[in-house]
Amino acid sequence: MQIVEAVALISINETLIFQIISFLAFLWIFNRVMIRPLRSVSKDRSQYIQGIQTDVADSREQVEGLFNKIKIQEREARQAAQILRRELEEAANSEAAEALSATREKVARIRQQAQQSLLQRILDERQNVEAEAETLSIALMEKILSRRLTT
């Protein structure tokens, strides 16, 4: 039987030192080439995102301010419209009252003229009836009396 010597898994010699130096050189180059630019880009992105977030917050505040101004202007416009509507209603009511009053006066004048005209016609017709009645009564008396009456 043969005895096998166990070789150590890790042996410390010049190759280990060379490998450590190579690994450190790789890390330094990797840090320079990859890590620093990535950190720089990441930092720039973070700053850019923070800038955008502050811009968004400012924009929201501006929008809210404008929205509040619009609400105030809308409220003022509604109040002004209500006042104007009341004024127009009052003006329309006064014009309607004036027109109604003028129409009533006109109707009263027309009625008065119609009454005067009717009274005049009645007087004229009465005179005509009286004249005819007188003529008829004379004619009737002459017939009844069989003689001519002198007036």
C-alpha atoms as a PDB file:
ATOM      1  CA  MET A   1       0.000   0.000   0.000  1.00  0.00           C
ATOM      2  CA  GLN A   2       1.076   3.337  -0.854  1.00  0.00           C
ATOM      3  CA  ILE A   3       0.774   6.329   1.391  1.00  0.00           C
ATOM      4  CA  VAL A   4      -0.560   9.362  -0.345  1.00  0.00           C
ATOM      5  CA  GLU A   5       0.626  12.597   0.917  1.00  0.00           C
ATOM      6  CA  ALA A   6      -2.065  15.122   1.512  1.00  0.00           C
ATOM      7  CA  VAL A   7      -1.311  18.339  -0.197  1.00  0.00           C
ATOM      8  CA  ALA A   8      -2.542  21.462   1.475  1.00  0.00           C
ATOM      9  CA  LEU A   9      -5.424  23.135  -0.261  1.00  0.00           C
ATOM     10  CA  ILE A  10      -3.917  26.567   0.185  1.00  0.00           C
ATOM     11  CA  SER A  11      -0.268  27.042  -0.153  1.00  0.00           C
ATOM     12  CA  ILE A  12       1.349  30.344   0.579  1.00  0.00           C
ATOM     13  CA  ASN A  13       3.960  31.131  -2.002  1.00  0.00           C
ATOM     14  CA  GLU A  14       4.855  33.798  -4.556  1.00  0.00           C
ATOM     15  CA  THR A  15       1.862  32.997  -6.778  1.00  0.00           C
ATOM     16  CA  LEU A  16      -0.529  33.870  -3.986  1.00  0.00           C
ATOM     17  CA  ILE A  17       1.041  37.274  -3.559  1.00  0.00           C
ATOM     18  CA  PHE A  18       0.940  37.785  -7.342  1.00  0.00           C
ATOM     19  CA  GLN A  19      -2.734  36.778  -7.410  1.00  0.00           C
ATOM     20  CA  ILE A  20      -3.558  39.170  -4.555  1.00  0.00           C
ATOM     21  CA  ILE A  21      -1.743  41.999  -6.344  1.00  0.00           C
ATOM     22  CA  SER A  22      -3.535  41.118  -9.586  1.00  0.00           C
ATOM     23  CA  PHE A  23      -6.890  41.022  -7.797  1.00  0.00           C
ATOM     24  CA  LEU A  24      -6.244  44.412  -6.171  1.00  0.00           C
ATOM     25  CA  ALA A  25      -5.205  45.854  -9.529  1.00  0.00           C
ATOM     26  CA  PHE A  26      -8.384  44.415 -11.058  1.00  0.00           C
ATOM     27  CA  LEU A  27     -10.480  45.987  -8.281  1.00  0.00           C
ATOM     28  CA  TRP A  28      -8.782  49.341  -8.750  1.00  0.00           C
ATOM     29  CA  ILE A  29      -9.331  49.258 -12.548  1.00  0.00           C
ATOM     30  CA  PHE A  30     -12.887  47.945 -12.110  1.00  0.00           C
ATOM     31  CA  ASN A  31     -13.595  50.744  -9.622  1.00  0.00           C
ATOM     32  CA  ARG A  32     -12.192  53.356 -12.033  1.00  0.00           C
ATOM     33  CA  VAL A  33     -13.865  52.019 -15.147  1.00  0.00           C
ATOM     34  CA  MET A  34     -17.218  50.716 -13.847  1.00  0.00           C
ATOM     35  CA  ILE A  35     -18.082  51.669 -10.267  1.00  0.00           C
ATOM     36  CA  ARG A  36     -17.207  55.380 -10.275  1.00  0.00           C
ATOM     37  CA  PRO A  37     -19.095  56.128 -13.526  1.00  0.00           C
ATOM     38  CA  LEU A  38     -22.089  54.115 -12.285  1.00  0.00           C
ATOM     39  CA  ARG A  39     -22.056  55.998  -8.981  1.00  0.00           C
ATOM     40  CA  SER A  40     -21.777  59.276 -10.871  1.00  0.00           C
ATOM     41  CA  VAL A  41     -24.682  58.366 -13.147  1.00  0.00           C
ATOM     42  CA  SER A  42     -26.694  57.162 -10.161  1.00  0.00           C
ATOM     43  CA  LYS A  43     -25.985  60.413  -8.299  1.00  0.00           C
ATOM     44  CA  ASP A  44     -26.909  62.485 -11.380  1.00  0.00           C
ATOM     45  CA  ARG A  45     -30.149  60.503 -11.758  1.00  0.00           C
ATOM     46  CA  SER A  46     -30.993  60.994  -8.097  1.00  0.00           C
ATOM     47  CA  GLN A  47     -30.403  64.719  -8.394  1.00  0.00           C
ATOM     48  CA  TYR A  48     -32.420  64.834 -11.633  1.00  0.00           C
ATOM     49  CA  ILE A  49     -35.307  62.920 -10.027  1.00  0.00           C
ATOM     50  CA  GLN A  50     -35.208  65.194  -6.966  1.00  0.00           C
ATOM     51  CA  GLY A  51     -35.270  68.208  -9.295  1.00  0.00           C
ATOM     52  CA  ILE A  52     -38.240  66.778 -11.151  1.00  0.00           C
ATOM     53  CA  GLN A  53     -40.014  66.037  -7.858  1.00  0.00           C
ATOM     54  CA  THR A  54     -39.497  69.609  -6.652  1.00  0.00           C
ATOM     55  CA  ASP A  55     -40.672  70.916 -10.031  1.00  0.00           C
ATOM     56  CA  VAL A  56     -43.750  68.689  -9.806  1.00  0.00           C
ATOM     57  CA  ALA A  57     -44.445  69.905  -6.265  1.00  0.00           C
ATOM     58  CA  ASP A  58     -44.032  73.536  -7.394  1.00  0.00           C
ATOM     59  CA  SER A  59     -46.264  72.900 -10.382  1.00  0.00           C
ATOM     60  CA  ARG A  60     -48.908  71.327  -8.154  1.00  0.00           C
ATOM     61  CA  GLU A  61     -48.802  74.342  -5.874  1.00  0.00           C
ATOM     62  CA  GLN A  62     -49.141  76.642  -8.886  1.00  0.00           C
ATOM     63  CA  VAL A  63     -52.038  74.579 -10.223  1.00  0.00           C
ATOM     64  CA  GLU A  64     -53.754  74.644  -6.832  1.00  0.00           C
ATOM     65  CA  GLY A  65     -53.202  78.403  -6.648  1.00  0.00           C
ATOM     66  CA  LEU A  66     -54.627  78.881 -10.129  1.00  0.00           C
ATOM     67  CA  PHE A  67     -57.518  76.559  -9.302  1.00  0.00           C
ATOM     68  CA  ASN A  68     -58.271  78.612  -6.178  1.00  0.00           C
ATOM     69  CA  LYS A  69     -58.079  81.837  -8.210  1.00  0.00           C
ATOM     70  CA  ILE A  70     -60.451  80.353 -10.773  1.00  0.00           C
ATOM     71  CA  LYS A  71     -62.857  79.350  -7.994  1.00  0.00           C
ATOM     72  CA  ILE A  72     -62.730  82.864  -6.550  1.00  0.00           C
ATOM     73  CA  GLN A  73     -63.274  84.422  -9.984  1.00  0.00           C
ATOM     74  CA  GLU A  74     -66.116  82.014 -10.678  1.00  0.00           C
ATOM     75  CA  ARG A  75     -67.743  82.879  -7.344  1.00  0.00           C
ATOM     76  CA  GLU A  76     -67.352  86.603  -8.060  1.00  0.00           C
ATOM     77  CA  ALA A  77     -68.743  86.137 -11.572  1.00  0.00           C
ATOM     78  CA  ARG A  78     -71.742  84.233 -10.187  1.00  0.00           C
ATOM     79  CA  GLN A  79     -72.391  86.982  -7.643  1.00  0.00           C
ATOM     80  CA  ALA A  80     -72.090  89.646 -10.333  1.00  0.00           C
ATOM     81  CA  ALA A  81     -74.426  87.648 -12.569  1.00  0.00           C
ATOM     82  CA  GLN A  82     -76.971  87.341  -9.758  1.00  0.00           C
ATOM     83  CA  ILE A  83     -76.819  91.074  -9.097  1.00  0.00           C
ATOM     84  CA  LEU A  84     -77.174  91.780 -12.817  1.00  0.00           C
ATOM     85  CA  ARG A  85     -80.078  89.330 -13.054  1.00  0.00           C
ATOM     86  CA  ARG A  86     -81.841  91.062 -10.147  1.00  0.00           C
ATOM     87  CA  GLU A  87     -81.271  94.457 -11.741  1.00  0.00           C
ATOM     88  CA  LEU A  88     -82.587  93.186 -15.071  1.00  0.00           C
ATOM     89  CA  GLU A  89     -85.619  91.640 -13.379  1.00  0.00           C
ATOM     90  CA  GLU A  90     -86.312  94.903 -11.555  1.00  0.00           C
ATOM     91  CA  ALA A  91     -85.924  96.865 -14.789  1.00  0.00           C
ATOM     92  CA  ALA A  92     -88.170  94.418 -16.631  1.00  0.00           C
ATOM     93  CA  ASN A  93     -90.751  94.564 -13.841  1.00  0.00           C
ATOM     94  CA  SER A  94     -90.738  98.362 -13.883  1.00  0.00           C
ATOM     95  CA  GLU A  95     -91.029  98.399 -17.685  1.00  0.00           C
ATOM     96  CA  ALA A  96     -93.851  95.873 -17.474  1.00  0.00           C
ATOM     97  CA  ALA A  97     -95.584  97.993 -14.829  1.00  0.00           C
ATOM     98  CA  GLU A  98     -95.172 101.095 -17.004  1.00  0.00           C
ATOM     99  CA  ALA A  99     -96.466  99.236 -20.059  1.00  0.00           C
ATOM    100  CA  LEU A 100     -99.401  97.886 -18.046  1.00  0.00           C
ATOM    101  CA  SER A 101    -100.164 101.338 -16.685  1.00  0.00           C
ATOM    102  CA  ALA A 102     -99.959 102.852 -20.175  1.00  0.00           C
ATOM    103  CA  THR A 103    -102.196 100.098 -21.531  1.00  0.00           C
ATOM    104  CA  ARG A 104    -104.723 100.629 -18.738  1.00  0.00           C
ATOM    105  CA  GLU A 105    -104.756 104.375 -19.434  1.00  0.00           C
ATOM    106  CA  LYS A 106    -105.212 103.698 -23.136  1.00  0.00           C
ATOM    107  CA  VAL A 107    -108.031 101.233 -22.423  1.00  0.00           C
ATOM    108  CA  ALA A 108    -109.647 103.793 -20.099  1.00  0.00           C
ATOM    109  CA  ARG A 109    -109.410 106.493 -22.820  1.00  0.00           C
ATOM    110  CA  ILE A 110    -110.807 104.132 -25.442  1.00  0.00           C
ATOM    111  CA  ARG A 111    -113.616 103.130 -23.065  1.00  0.00           C
ATOM    112  CA  GLN A 112    -114.391 106.764 -22.296  1.00  0.00           C
ATOM    113  CA  GLN A 113    -114.405 107.628 -26.003  1.00  0.00           C
ATOM    114  CA  ALA A 114    -116.624 104.630 -26.690  1.00  0.00           C
ATOM    115  CA  GLN A 115    -119.011 105.679 -23.908  1.00  0.00           C
ATOM    116  CA  GLN A 116    -119.121 109.251 -25.195  1.00  0.00           C
ATOM    117  CA  SER A 117    -119.690 108.006 -28.713  1.00  0.00           C
ATOM    118  CA  LEU A 118    -122.409 105.656 -27.484  1.00  0.00           C
ATOM    119  CA  LEU A 119    -124.080 108.424 -25.446  1.00  0.00           C
ATOM    120  CA  GLN A 120    -123.969 110.747 -28.443  1.00  0.00           C
ATOM    121  CA  ARG A 121    -125.510 108.066 -30.650  1.00  0.00           C
ATOM    122  CA  ILE A 122    -128.166 107.416 -28.001  1.00  0.00           C
ATOM    123  CA  LEU A 123    -128.958 111.158 -27.857  1.00  0.00           C
ATOM    124  CA  ASP A 124    -129.067 111.344 -31.621  1.00  0.00           C
ATOM    125  CA  GLU A 125    -131.299 108.297 -31.807  1.00  0.00           C
ATOM    126  CA  ARG A 126    -133.562 109.684 -29.067  1.00  0.00           C
ATOM    127  CA  GLN A 127    -133.978 112.879 -31.018  1.00  0.00           C
ATOM    128  CA  ASN A 128    -134.712 110.862 -34.128  1.00  0.00           C
ATOM    129  CA  VAL A 129    -137.172 108.672 -32.191  1.00  0.00           C
ATOM    130  CA  GLU A 130    -138.801 111.757 -30.649  1.00  0.00           C
ATOM    131  CA  ALA A 131    -139.095 113.390 -34.037  1.00  0.00           C
ATOM    132  CA  GLU A 132    -140.524 110.224 -35.540  1.00  0.00           C
ATOM    133  CA  ALA A 133    -142.800 109.710 -32.529  1.00  0.00           C
ATOM    134  CA  GLU A 134    -144.078 113.266 -32.885  1.00  0.00           C
ATOM    135  CA  THR A 135    -144.615 112.783 -36.590  1.00  0.00           C
ATOM    136  CA  LEU A 136    -146.345 109.456 -36.004  1.00  0.00           C
ATOM    137  CA  SER A 137    -148.477 110.812 -33.184  1.00  0.00           C
ATOM    138  CA  ILE A 138    -149.617 113.724 -35.347  1.00  0.00           C
ATOM    139  CA  ALA A 139    -150.346 111.349 -38.203  1.00  0.00           C
ATOM    140  CA  LEU A 140    -152.213 109.053 -35.858  1.00  0.00           C
ATOM    141  CA  MET A 141    -154.264 111.867 -34.362  1.00  0.00           C
ATOM    142  CA  GLU A 142    -155.125 113.194 -37.816  1.00  0.00           C
ATOM    143  CA  LYS A 143    -156.343 109.769 -38.808  1.00  0.00           C
ATOM    144  CA  ILE A 144    -158.281 109.311 -35.648  1.00  0.00           C
ATOM    145  CA  LEU A 145    -159.792 112.753 -35.842  1.00  0.00           C
ATOM    146  CA  SER A 146    -160.110 112.668 -39.578  1.00  0.00           C
ATOM    147  CA  ARG A 147    -158.904 116.185 -39.906  1.00  0.00           C
ATOM    148  CA  ARG A 148    -155.706 118.027 -40.314  1.00  0.00           C
ATOM    149  CA  LEU A 149    -154.002 119.416 -37.237  1.00  0.00           C
ATOM    150  CA  THR A 150    -152.162 122.656 -37.340  1.00  0.00           C
ATOM    151  CA  THR A 151    -149.297 123.244 -35.073  1.00  0.00           C
END
